[in-house]
Protein backbone atom coordinates (compact mmCIF):
# COMPACT_ATOMS: atom_id res chain seq x y z
CA MET A 1 15.44 -2.50 9.70
CA GLN A 2 17.07 -4.30 6.82
CA THR A 3 15.54 -3.80 3.40
CA VAL A 4 16.09 -5.85 0.26
CA VAL A 5 15.53 -3.84 -2.93
CA GLY A 6 14.72 -5.88 -6.01
CA PRO A 7 15.68 -5.24 -9.61
CA ILE A 8 13.51 -3.33 -12.05
CA LEU A 9 11.40 -5.79 -14.01
CA MET A 10 8.79 -5.43 -16.70
CA LYS A 11 5.38 -6.45 -15.36
CA GLN A 12 2.24 -6.18 -17.47
CA GLY A 13 3.82 -3.65 -19.83
CA CYS A 14 5.14 -1.44 -17.02
CA TYR A 15 8.39 -1.24 -15.05
CA ALA A 16 8.42 -1.97 -11.32
CA PHE A 17 10.63 -3.13 -8.48
CA ASP A 18 9.80 -4.89 -5.22
CA LEU A 19 10.93 -4.31 -1.64
CA TRP A 20 11.18 -6.71 1.29
CA THR A 21 11.45 -5.78 4.97
CA PRO A 22 11.12 -8.05 8.02
CA GLU A 23 8.22 -5.98 9.36
CA GLU A 24 6.19 -5.58 6.16
CA GLY A 25 7.29 -8.60 4.16
CA LEU A 26 7.22 -8.36 0.38
CA SER A 27 5.70 -5.17 -0.98
CA ARG A 28 5.06 -4.70 -4.65
CA GLY A 29 6.38 -1.52 -6.17
CA PHE A 30 4.40 1.03 -8.13
CA ALA A 31 4.24 0.34 -11.88
CA TYR A 32 5.92 3.02 -14.01
CA ARG A 33 5.36 3.46 -17.74
CA ARG A 34 8.93 4.62 -18.36
CA VAL A 35 12.02 2.74 -17.19
CA GLU A 36 13.70 6.06 -16.26
CA GLU A 37 10.94 6.77 -13.76
CA ALA A 38 11.36 3.33 -12.21
CA HIS A 39 15.14 3.86 -11.92
CA TYR A 40 14.60 7.23 -10.27
CA ALA A 41 12.09 5.82 -7.76
CA ARG A 42 14.35 2.84 -6.99
CA ASN A 43 17.35 5.10 -6.41
CA VAL A 44 15.28 7.24 -4.03
CA GLU A 45 14.23 4.13 -2.08
CA ILE A 46 17.85 2.96 -1.89
CA LYS A 47 19.01 6.35 -0.57
CA LEU A 48 16.19 6.49 1.97
CA ARG A 49 16.87 2.96 3.20
CA ARG A 50 20.63 3.46 3.53
CA CYS A 51 20.24 6.19 6.16
CA PRO A 52 21.16 4.91 9.64
CA PRO A 53 19.84 2.79 11.34
CA ASP A 54 18.37 1.26 8.18
CA THR A 55 20.41 -0.75 5.74
CA ALA A 56 19.58 -1.77 2.21
CA VAL A 57 20.67 -4.73 0.15
CA VAL A 58 20.39 -3.81 -3.52
CA CYS A 59 19.88 -6.72 -5.90
CA ALA A 60 20.64 -6.58 -9.63
CA THR A 61 18.89 -9.81 -10.67
CA LEU A 62 15.70 -11.62 -9.76
CA ASP A 63 17.69 -14.67 -8.55
CA GLU A 64 19.79 -12.48 -6.27
CA PHE A 65 16.64 -10.85 -4.89
CA THR A 66 14.94 -14.21 -4.31
CA ASN A 67 17.98 -15.62 -2.50
CA ALA A 68 18.43 -12.51 -0.35
CA VAL A 69 14.75 -12.48 0.68
CA THR A 70 14.76 -16.22 1.42
CA GLU A 71 17.88 -15.97 3.61
CA ARG A 72 16.64 -12.98 5.57
CA GLU A 73 13.12 -14.34 5.97
CA ALA A 74 14.45 -17.62 7.39
CA THR A 75 16.77 -15.75 9.76
CA TYR A 76 14.00 -13.37 10.82
CA CYS A 77 11.56 -16.25 11.45
CA ALA A 78 14.18 -18.09 13.52
CA LEU A 79 14.84 -14.98 15.61
CA VAL A 80 11.15 -14.28 16.14
CA SER A 81 10.42 -17.89 17.10
CA ASN A 82 12.98 -17.55 19.91
CA LEU A 83 11.03 -14.56 21.21
CA LYS A 84 7.72 -16.37 21.62
CA PRO A 85 6.40 -15.95 25.14
CA LYS A 86 6.81 -18.93 27.40
CA PRO A 87 4.29 -19.76 30.10
CA VAL A 88 5.23 -18.35 33.46
CA GLU A 89 4.62 -20.39 36.56
CA ILE A 90 3.14 -18.50 39.47
CA ALA A 91 5.28 -18.85 42.52
CA ARG A 92 3.26 -20.23 45.42
CA SER A 93 4.23 -18.96 48.80
CA PRO A 94 4.95 -21.63 51.42
CA ALA A 95 2.68 -19.84 53.89
CA PRO A 96 -0.95 -21.00 53.91
CA THR A 97 -3.42 -18.79 52.09
CA PHE A 98 -6.35 -17.06 53.74
CA ARG A 99 -8.73 -19.57 52.18
CA ALA A 100 -6.74 -22.54 53.54
CA LEU A 101 -6.73 -20.98 57.03
CA PHE A 102 -10.47 -20.29 56.78
CA GLU A 103 -11.25 -23.87 55.67
CA SER A 104 -9.12 -25.41 58.44
CA GLU A 105 -10.80 -23.14 61.01
CA ALA A 106 -14.25 -24.15 59.71
CA LYS A 107 -13.32 -27.85 59.98
CA THR A 108 -12.12 -27.32 63.55
CA ILE A 109 -15.36 -25.58 64.54
CA ALA A 110 -17.49 -28.23 62.83
CA ALA A 111 -15.58 -31.05 64.54
CA GLY A 112 -15.76 -29.49 67.99
């Protein structure tokens, strides 16, 4: 799972960072009162997300984060759209079905 880690921003008087994953989409980070706490939490997220098989893209600016999320979201949507189930046609056997045999037998009896 590829994760995009956003920069630490001040939101409503607190410090927070956002994460984006293909499965969960954009998730808002917890708001910290101190910037040091936000840095610590972000570094923990980065270390957790860099363990195989996960990968993390760490963004330093809001523009970089926005571009990274937009690129990955478009790619993810394109990949998922290729996986949409397609209708399956039921193969009909060339041999007559029981119902067809029964109907033809009933017509023969009724005619005779």
